[in-house]
């Protein structure tokens, strides 16, 4: 797989991710939702201050540090993606690397710029794009927009279940976005197929390496 093809994949993921986030931000108020497929797949608008799936880290300073870390990771990610492409790593590994990089970039854009270009979303009003009074936060302090919600099961657990029996339970509860999904899918696929991905490279290296007999004959 060529480096240019991986960049095209990154751009496609980014465009879809940012288009959906911008639409959500400018058409829905905080907490609003609607069903896509029954009750188990919904669009539910929330924002988070930090990490994927609504996790947070260290308040305002933690937010800046996390955003800067993402920026460094993205720059290094492009270097690494170019390297594994030039060294002809397995196509699946390159695709997964591009997905992870695209996901990191998607959430990075939210953190860097959304506070500057959008007004704040509330439970009563929809945000405006490029508001006259300026955005809701400074550079590096934007909130990450989440909207994908898959509450596959909602209800009270049977009483016989230890510790949690009788409690109300939701599976899967986190609300996430396309960037989060892209990162997770890329990482999980690498973990599942790591032997196939990296065996391909080892095989190529052993094939390209000169044999001792060839060195002696020369």
C-alpha atoms as a PDB file:
ATOM      1  CA  UNK A   1       0.000   0.000   0.000  1.00  0.00           C
ATOM      2  CA  UNK A   2       1.438   3.379  -1.001  1.00  0.00           C
ATOM      3  CA  UNK A   3       1.866   6.274   1.428  1.00  0.00           C
ATOM      4  CA  UNK A   4      -0.422   8.416  -0.733  1.00  0.00           C
ATOM      5  CA  UNK A   5      -3.209   5.851  -0.380  1.00  0.00           C
ATOM      6  CA  UNK A   6      -2.886   5.903   3.405  1.00  0.00           C
ATOM      7  CA  UNK A   7      -3.084   9.711   3.371  1.00  0.00           C
ATOM      8  CA  UNK A   8      -6.280   9.503   1.291  1.00  0.00           C
ATOM      9  CA  UNK A   9      -7.767   7.132   3.876  1.00  0.00           C
ATOM     10  CA  UNK A  10      -6.832   9.555   6.662  1.00  0.00           C
ATOM     11  CA  UNK A  11      -8.457  12.457   4.816  1.00  0.00           C
ATOM     12  CA  UNK A  12     -11.669  10.487   4.227  1.00  0.00           C
ATOM     13  CA  UNK A  13     -11.967   9.555   7.909  1.00  0.00           C
ATOM     14  CA  UNK A  14     -11.220  13.133   8.957  1.00  0.00           C
ATOM     15  CA  UNK A  15     -13.782  14.637   6.580  1.00  0.00           C
ATOM     16  CA  UNK A  16     -16.541  12.283   7.757  1.00  0.00           C
ATOM     17  CA  UNK A  17     -15.605  12.769  11.410  1.00  0.00           C
ATOM     18  CA  UNK A  18     -15.455  16.565  11.253  1.00  0.00           C
ATOM     19  CA  UNK A  19     -18.542  16.909   9.066  1.00  0.00           C
ATOM     20  CA  UNK A  20     -20.623  14.910  11.540  1.00  0.00           C
ATOM     21  CA  UNK A  21     -19.223  16.793  14.526  1.00  0.00           C
ATOM     22  CA  UNK A  22     -19.896  20.192  12.941  1.00  0.00           C
ATOM     23  CA  UNK A  23     -23.435  19.166  12.030  1.00  0.00           C
ATOM     24  CA  UNK A  24     -24.101  17.907  15.554  1.00  0.00           C
ATOM     25  CA  UNK A  25     -22.607  21.034  17.092  1.00  0.00           C
ATOM     26  CA  UNK A  26     -24.696  23.419  14.977  1.00  0.00           C
ATOM     27  CA  UNK A  27     -27.984  21.465  14.892  1.00  0.00           C
ATOM     28  CA  UNK A  28     -28.372  19.843  18.324  1.00  0.00           C
ATOM     29  CA  UNK A  29     -28.360  21.130  21.878  1.00  0.00           C
ATOM     30  CA  UNK A  30     -26.502  19.340  24.646  1.00  0.00           C
ATOM     31  CA  UNK A  31     -28.094  16.043  25.626  1.00  0.00           C
ATOM     32  CA  UNK A  32     -30.425  15.911  22.623  1.00  0.00           C
ATOM     33  CA  UNK A  33     -30.746  12.528  20.942  1.00  0.00           C
ATOM     34  CA  UNK A  34     -32.640  10.638  18.267  1.00  0.00           C
ATOM     35  CA  UNK A  35     -32.805   6.992  17.288  1.00  0.00           C
ATOM     36  CA  UNK A  36     -31.041   5.570  14.249  1.00  0.00           C
ATOM     37  CA  UNK A  37     -31.759   1.837  14.597  1.00  0.00           C
ATOM     38  CA  UNK A  38     -34.351   1.188  17.224  1.00  0.00           C
ATOM     39  CA  UNK A  39     -33.283   2.088  20.752  1.00  0.00           C
ATOM     40  CA  UNK A  40     -29.884   0.406  20.617  1.00  0.00           C
ATOM     41  CA  UNK A  41     -28.183   2.845  18.216  1.00  0.00           C
ATOM     42  CA  UNK A  42     -28.738   6.542  18.861  1.00  0.00           C
ATOM     43  CA  UNK A  43     -27.208   9.897  18.098  1.00  0.00           C
ATOM     44  CA  UNK A  44     -26.752  11.479  21.518  1.00  0.00           C
ATOM     45  CA  UNK A  45     -24.874  14.782  21.733  1.00  0.00           C
ATOM     46  CA  UNK A  46     -22.408  15.288  24.564  1.00  0.00           C
ATOM     47  CA  UNK A  47     -18.978  16.875  24.896  1.00  0.00           C
ATOM     48  CA  UNK A  48     -15.992  15.837  26.950  1.00  0.00           C
ATOM     49  CA  UNK A  49     -12.944  17.699  28.200  1.00  0.00           C
ATOM     50  CA  UNK A  50     -10.345  15.111  27.526  1.00  0.00           C
ATOM     51  CA  UNK A  51      -9.744  11.580  26.438  1.00  0.00           C
ATOM     52  CA  UNK A  52     -11.679   9.113  24.334  1.00  0.00           C
ATOM     53  CA  UNK A  53     -15.078   7.765  25.455  1.00  0.00           C
ATOM     54  CA  UNK A  54     -15.696  10.695  27.786  1.00  0.00           C
ATOM     55  CA  UNK A  55     -12.678  10.210  30.055  1.00  0.00           C
ATOM     56  CA  UNK A  56     -10.981  13.305  31.479  1.00  0.00           C
ATOM     57  CA  UNK A  57      -7.509  14.175  32.664  1.00  0.00           C
ATOM     58  CA  UNK A  58      -6.262  16.770  35.120  1.00  0.00           C
ATOM     59  CA  UNK A  59      -8.461  19.836  34.652  1.00  0.00           C
ATOM     60  CA  UNK A  60      -7.368  22.823  32.557  1.00  0.00           C
ATOM     61  CA  UNK A  61      -3.645  22.105  32.672  1.00  0.00           C
ATOM     62  CA  UNK A  62      -4.280  18.435  32.010  1.00  0.00           C
ATOM     63  CA  UNK A  63      -6.353  19.455  28.995  1.00  0.00           C
ATOM     64  CA  UNK A  64      -3.437  21.466  27.562  1.00  0.00           C
ATOM     65  CA  UNK A  65      -0.941  18.697  28.248  1.00  0.00           C
ATOM     66  CA  UNK A  66      -3.218  16.103  26.685  1.00  0.00           C
ATOM     67  CA  UNK A  67      -3.714  18.239  23.564  1.00  0.00           C
ATOM     68  CA  UNK A  68       0.037  18.849  23.224  1.00  0.00           C
ATOM     69  CA  UNK A  69       0.685  15.141  23.680  1.00  0.00           C
ATOM     70  CA  UNK A  70      -1.803  14.401  20.908  1.00  0.00           C
ATOM     71  CA  UNK A  71      -0.037  16.913  18.662  1.00  0.00           C
ATOM     72  CA  UNK A  72       3.358  15.293  19.245  1.00  0.00           C
ATOM     73  CA  UNK A  73       1.823  11.835  18.750  1.00  0.00           C
ATOM     74  CA  UNK A  74       0.276  12.887  15.428  1.00  0.00           C
ATOM     75  CA  UNK A  75       3.575  14.313  14.130  1.00  0.00           C
ATOM     76  CA  UNK A  76       5.394  11.132  15.140  1.00  0.00           C
ATOM     77  CA  UNK A  77       2.550   9.080  13.690  1.00  0.00           C
ATOM     78  CA  UNK A  78       3.064  10.545  10.222  1.00  0.00           C
ATOM     79  CA  UNK A  79       6.786   9.766  10.426  1.00  0.00           C
ATOM     80  CA  UNK A  80       6.065   6.194  11.515  1.00  0.00           C
ATOM     81  CA  UNK A  81       3.375   5.676   8.886  1.00  0.00           C
ATOM     82  CA  UNK A  82       5.726   6.821   6.140  1.00  0.00           C
ATOM     83  CA  UNK A  83       8.448   4.526   7.470  1.00  0.00           C
ATOM     84  CA  UNK A  84       6.343   1.364   7.576  1.00  0.00           C
ATOM     85  CA  UNK A  85       4.984   2.170   4.115  1.00  0.00           C
ATOM     86  CA  UNK A  86       8.451   2.540   2.623  1.00  0.00           C
ATOM     87  CA  UNK A  87       9.566  -0.695   4.301  1.00  0.00           C
ATOM     88  CA  UNK A  88       6.618  -2.526   2.744  1.00  0.00           C
ATOM     89  CA  UNK A  89       4.936  -3.638   5.926  1.00  0.00           C
ATOM     90  CA  UNK A  90       1.717  -5.632   5.661  1.00  0.00           C
ATOM     91  CA  UNK A  91      -1.096  -3.677   4.015  1.00  0.00           C
ATOM     92  CA  UNK A  92      -3.382  -4.348   6.968  1.00  0.00           C
ATOM     93  CA  UNK A  93      -0.899  -2.808   9.386  1.00  0.00           C
ATOM     94  CA  UNK A  94      -0.601   0.319   7.241  1.00  0.00           C
ATOM     95  CA  UNK A  95      -4.391   0.679   7.053  1.00  0.00           C
ATOM     96  CA  UNK A  96      -4.707   0.267  10.816  1.00  0.00           C
ATOM     97  CA  UNK A  97      -1.921   2.792  11.370  1.00  0.00           C
ATOM     98  CA  UNK A  98      -3.716   5.274   9.125  1.00  0.00           C
ATOM     99  CA  UNK A  99      -6.970   4.732  11.037  1.00  0.00           C
ATOM    100  CA  UNK A 100      -5.292   5.327  14.392  1.00  0.00           C
ATOM    101  CA  UNK A 101      -3.577   8.445  13.086  1.00  0.00           C
ATOM    102  CA  UNK A 102      -6.817   9.789  11.582  1.00  0.00           C
ATOM    103  CA  UNK A 103      -8.635   9.243  14.867  1.00  0.00           C
ATOM    104  CA  UNK A 104      -5.954  11.043  16.842  1.00  0.00           C
ATOM    105  CA  UNK A 105      -6.083  13.954  14.395  1.00  0.00           C
ATOM    106  CA  UNK A 106      -9.876  14.142  14.558  1.00  0.00           C
ATOM    107  CA  UNK A 107      -9.987  14.622  18.326  1.00  0.00           C
ATOM    108  CA  UNK A 108      -6.938  16.891  18.170  1.00  0.00           C
ATOM    109  CA  UNK A 109      -8.776  19.294  15.848  1.00  0.00           C
ATOM    110  CA  UNK A 110     -11.650  19.483  18.337  1.00  0.00           C
ATOM    111  CA  UNK A 111      -9.293  20.299  21.196  1.00  0.00           C
ATOM    112  CA  UNK A 112      -7.288  22.863  19.256  1.00  0.00           C
ATOM    113  CA  UNK A 113      -9.937  24.818  17.364  1.00  0.00           C
ATOM    114  CA  UNK A 114     -13.524  24.116  18.442  1.00  0.00           C
ATOM    115  CA  UNK A 115     -13.285  26.517  21.371  1.00  0.00           C
ATOM    116  CA  UNK A 116     -12.303  29.259  18.938  1.00  0.00           C
ATOM    117  CA  UNK A 117     -14.835  28.707  16.159  1.00  0.00           C
ATOM    118  CA  UNK A 118     -17.992  27.674  18.031  1.00  0.00           C
ATOM    119  CA  UNK A 119     -20.101  29.231  20.767  1.00  0.00           C
ATOM    120  CA  UNK A 120     -20.854  27.051  23.751  1.00  0.00           C
ATOM    121  CA  UNK A 121     -23.455  24.297  23.467  1.00  0.00           C
ATOM    122  CA  UNK A 122     -26.009  24.233  26.286  1.00  0.00           C
ATOM    123  CA  UNK A 123     -29.070  22.208  27.192  1.00  0.00           C
ATOM    124  CA  UNK A 124     -31.278  25.039  25.847  1.00  0.00           C
ATOM    125  CA  UNK A 125     -29.517  26.334  22.736  1.00  0.00           C
ATOM    126  CA  UNK A 126     -27.523  25.183  19.738  1.00  0.00           C
ATOM    127  CA  UNK A 127     -23.985  26.447  19.181  1.00  0.00           C
ATOM    128  CA  UNK A 128     -23.183  28.975  16.464  1.00  0.00           C
ATOM    129  CA  UNK A 129     -20.318  28.737  14.020  1.00  0.00           C
ATOM    130  CA  UNK A 130     -17.937  31.735  14.171  1.00  0.00           C
ATOM    131  CA  UNK A 131     -20.083  33.689  16.655  1.00  0.00           C
ATOM    132  CA  UNK A 132     -19.699  37.481  16.766  1.00  0.00           C
ATOM    133  CA  UNK A 133     -18.609  37.426  20.412  1.00  0.00           C
ATOM    134  CA  UNK A 134     -15.944  34.805  19.842  1.00  0.00           C
ATOM    135  CA  UNK A 135     -15.780  31.150  20.773  1.00  0.00           C
ATOM    136  CA  UNK A 136     -16.409  29.515  24.126  1.00  0.00           C
ATOM    137  CA  UNK A 137     -12.742  28.778  24.934  1.00  0.00           C
ATOM    138  CA  UNK A 138      -9.172  29.543  23.960  1.00  0.00           C
ATOM    139  CA  UNK A 139      -6.699  27.687  21.801  1.00  0.00           C
ATOM    140  CA  UNK A 140      -6.078  24.087  22.982  1.00  0.00           C
ATOM    141  CA  UNK A 141      -9.141  24.214  25.278  1.00  0.00           C
ATOM    142  CA  UNK A 142     -11.852  23.009  22.919  1.00  0.00           C
ATOM    143  CA  UNK A 143     -14.179  20.194  23.928  1.00  0.00           C
ATOM    144  CA  UNK A 144     -14.357  16.935  22.005  1.00  0.00           C
ATOM    145  CA  UNK A 145     -17.763  16.285  20.418  1.00  0.00           C
ATOM    146  CA  UNK A 146     -19.251  12.814  20.957  1.00  0.00           C
ATOM    147  CA  UNK A 147     -22.476  11.459  19.531  1.00  0.00           C
ATOM    148  CA  UNK A 148     -22.459   7.680  18.848  1.00  0.00           C
ATOM    149  CA  UNK A 149     -24.377   5.795  21.507  1.00  0.00           C
ATOM    150  CA  UNK A 150     -25.023   2.041  21.536  1.00  0.00           C
ATOM    151  CA  UNK A 151     -27.070   1.102  24.625  1.00  0.00           C
ATOM    152  CA  UNK A 152     -27.477  -2.488  23.453  1.00  0.00           C
ATOM    153  CA  UNK A 153     -29.043  -3.518  26.755  1.00  0.00           C
ATOM    154  CA  UNK A 154     -30.897  -1.376  29.283  1.00  0.00           C
ATOM    155  CA  UNK A 155     -32.721  -2.759  32.260  1.00  0.00           C
ATOM    156  CA  UNK A 156     -32.499  -4.176  35.742  1.00  0.00           C
ATOM    157  CA  UNK A 157     -30.081  -7.028  36.258  1.00  0.00           C
ATOM    158  CA  UNK A 158     -31.410 -10.321  37.660  1.00  0.00           C
ATOM    159  CA  UNK A 159     -31.223 -10.592  41.432  1.00  0.00           C
ATOM    160  CA  UNK A 160     -28.994 -13.690  41.265  1.00  0.00           C
ATOM    161  CA  UNK A 161     -26.050 -11.733  39.783  1.00  0.00           C
ATOM    162  CA  UNK A 162     -23.475 -11.104  42.567  1.00  0.00           C
ATOM    163  CA  UNK A 163     -22.978  -7.509  43.810  1.00  0.00           C
ATOM    164  CA  UNK A 164     -24.943  -5.882  40.944  1.00  0.00           C
ATOM    165  CA  UNK A 165     -28.142  -7.933  41.070  1.00  0.00           C
ATOM    166  CA  UNK A 166     -31.246  -5.739  40.925  1.00  0.00           C
ATOM    167  CA  UNK A 167     -29.320  -2.659  39.784  1.00  0.00           C
ATOM    168  CA  UNK A 168     -30.186  -0.746  36.634  1.00  0.00           C
ATOM    169  CA  UNK A 169     -27.559  -1.511  33.971  1.00  0.00           C
ATOM    170  CA  UNK A 170     -26.721  -0.088  30.540  1.00  0.00           C
ATOM    171  CA  UNK A 171     -24.479  -1.862  28.043  1.00  0.00           C
ATOM    172  CA  UNK A 172     -22.708  -0.256  26.122  1.00  0.00           C
ATOM    173  CA  UNK A 173     -22.826   3.065  28.004  1.00  0.00           C
ATOM    174  CA  UNK A 174     -19.961   5.269  26.691  1.00  0.00           C
ATOM    175  CA  UNK A 175     -20.795   7.846  24.014  1.00  0.00           C
ATOM    176  CA  UNK A 176     -18.035   8.230  21.439  1.00  0.00           C
ATOM    177  CA  UNK A 177     -17.272   9.595  17.976  1.00  0.00           C
ATOM    178  CA  UNK A 178     -15.866   8.388  14.667  1.00  0.00           C
ATOM    179  CA  UNK A 179     -12.330   9.287  15.724  1.00  0.00           C
ATOM    180  CA  UNK A 180     -12.631   7.122  18.847  1.00  0.00           C
ATOM    181  CA  UNK A 181     -14.044   4.270  16.787  1.00  0.00           C
ATOM    182  CA  UNK A 182     -11.257   4.586  14.212  1.00  0.00           C
ATOM    183  CA  UNK A 183      -8.573   4.421  16.902  1.00  0.00           C
ATOM    184  CA  UNK A 184     -10.195   1.498  18.695  1.00  0.00           C
ATOM    185  CA  UNK A 185     -10.779  -0.500  15.522  1.00  0.00           C
ATOM    186  CA  UNK A 186      -7.193   0.085  14.377  1.00  0.00           C
ATOM    187  CA  UNK A 187      -5.667  -0.952  17.716  1.00  0.00           C
ATOM    188  CA  UNK A 188      -7.896  -4.017  18.155  1.00  0.00           C
ATOM    189  CA  UNK A 189      -7.203  -5.211  14.602  1.00  0.00           C
ATOM    190  CA  UNK A 190      -3.440  -4.906  15.114  1.00  0.00           C
ATOM    191  CA  UNK A 191      -3.664  -6.892  18.360  1.00  0.00           C
ATOM    192  CA  UNK A 192      -5.773  -9.620  16.773  1.00  0.00           C
ATOM    193  CA  UNK A 193      -3.712  -9.968  13.591  1.00  0.00           C
ATOM    194  CA  UNK A 194      -0.260  -8.997  14.891  1.00  0.00           C
ATOM    195  CA  UNK A 195       1.346 -12.314  13.939  1.00  0.00           C
ATOM    196  CA  UNK A 196       0.153 -12.013  10.367  1.00  0.00           C
ATOM    197  CA  UNK A 197       1.086  -8.340  10.079  1.00  0.00           C
ATOM    198  CA  UNK A 198       4.613  -8.646  11.468  1.00  0.00           C
ATOM    199  CA  UNK A 199       5.378 -12.130  10.117  1.00  0.00           C
ATOM    200  CA  UNK A 200       4.998 -10.687   6.626  1.00  0.00           C
ATOM    201  CA  UNK A 201       7.761  -8.168   7.332  1.00  0.00           C
ATOM    202  CA  UNK A 202      10.081 -10.742   8.893  1.00  0.00           C
ATOM    203  CA  UNK A 203       9.586 -12.992   5.881  1.00  0.00           C
ATOM    204  CA  UNK A 204      10.470 -10.177   3.491  1.00  0.00           C
ATOM    205  CA  UNK A 205      13.579  -9.285   5.487  1.00  0.00           C
ATOM    206  CA  UNK A 206      14.782 -12.885   5.490  1.00  0.00           C
ATOM    207  CA  UNK A 207      14.187 -13.116   1.745  1.00  0.00           C
ATOM    208  CA  UNK A 208      16.094  -9.923   1.016  1.00  0.00           C
ATOM    209  CA  UNK A 209      19.012 -10.734   3.310  1.00  0.00           C
ATOM    210  CA  UNK A 210      22.095 -12.102   1.456  1.00  0.00           C
ATOM    211  CA  UNK A 211      23.038 -15.685   2.248  1.00  0.00           C
ATOM    212  CA  UNK A 212      26.500 -16.506   3.718  1.00  0.00           C
ATOM    213  CA  UNK A 213      27.320 -18.638   0.648  1.00  0.00           C
ATOM    214  CA  UNK A 214      26.652 -15.705  -1.635  1.00  0.00           C
ATOM    215  CA  UNK A 215      29.025 -13.525   0.359  1.00  0.00           C
ATOM    216  CA  UNK A 216      31.789 -16.133   0.175  1.00  0.00           C
ATOM    217  CA  UNK A 217      31.363 -16.603  -3.571  1.00  0.00           C
ATOM    218  CA  UNK A 218      31.604 -12.882  -4.226  1.00  0.00           C
END
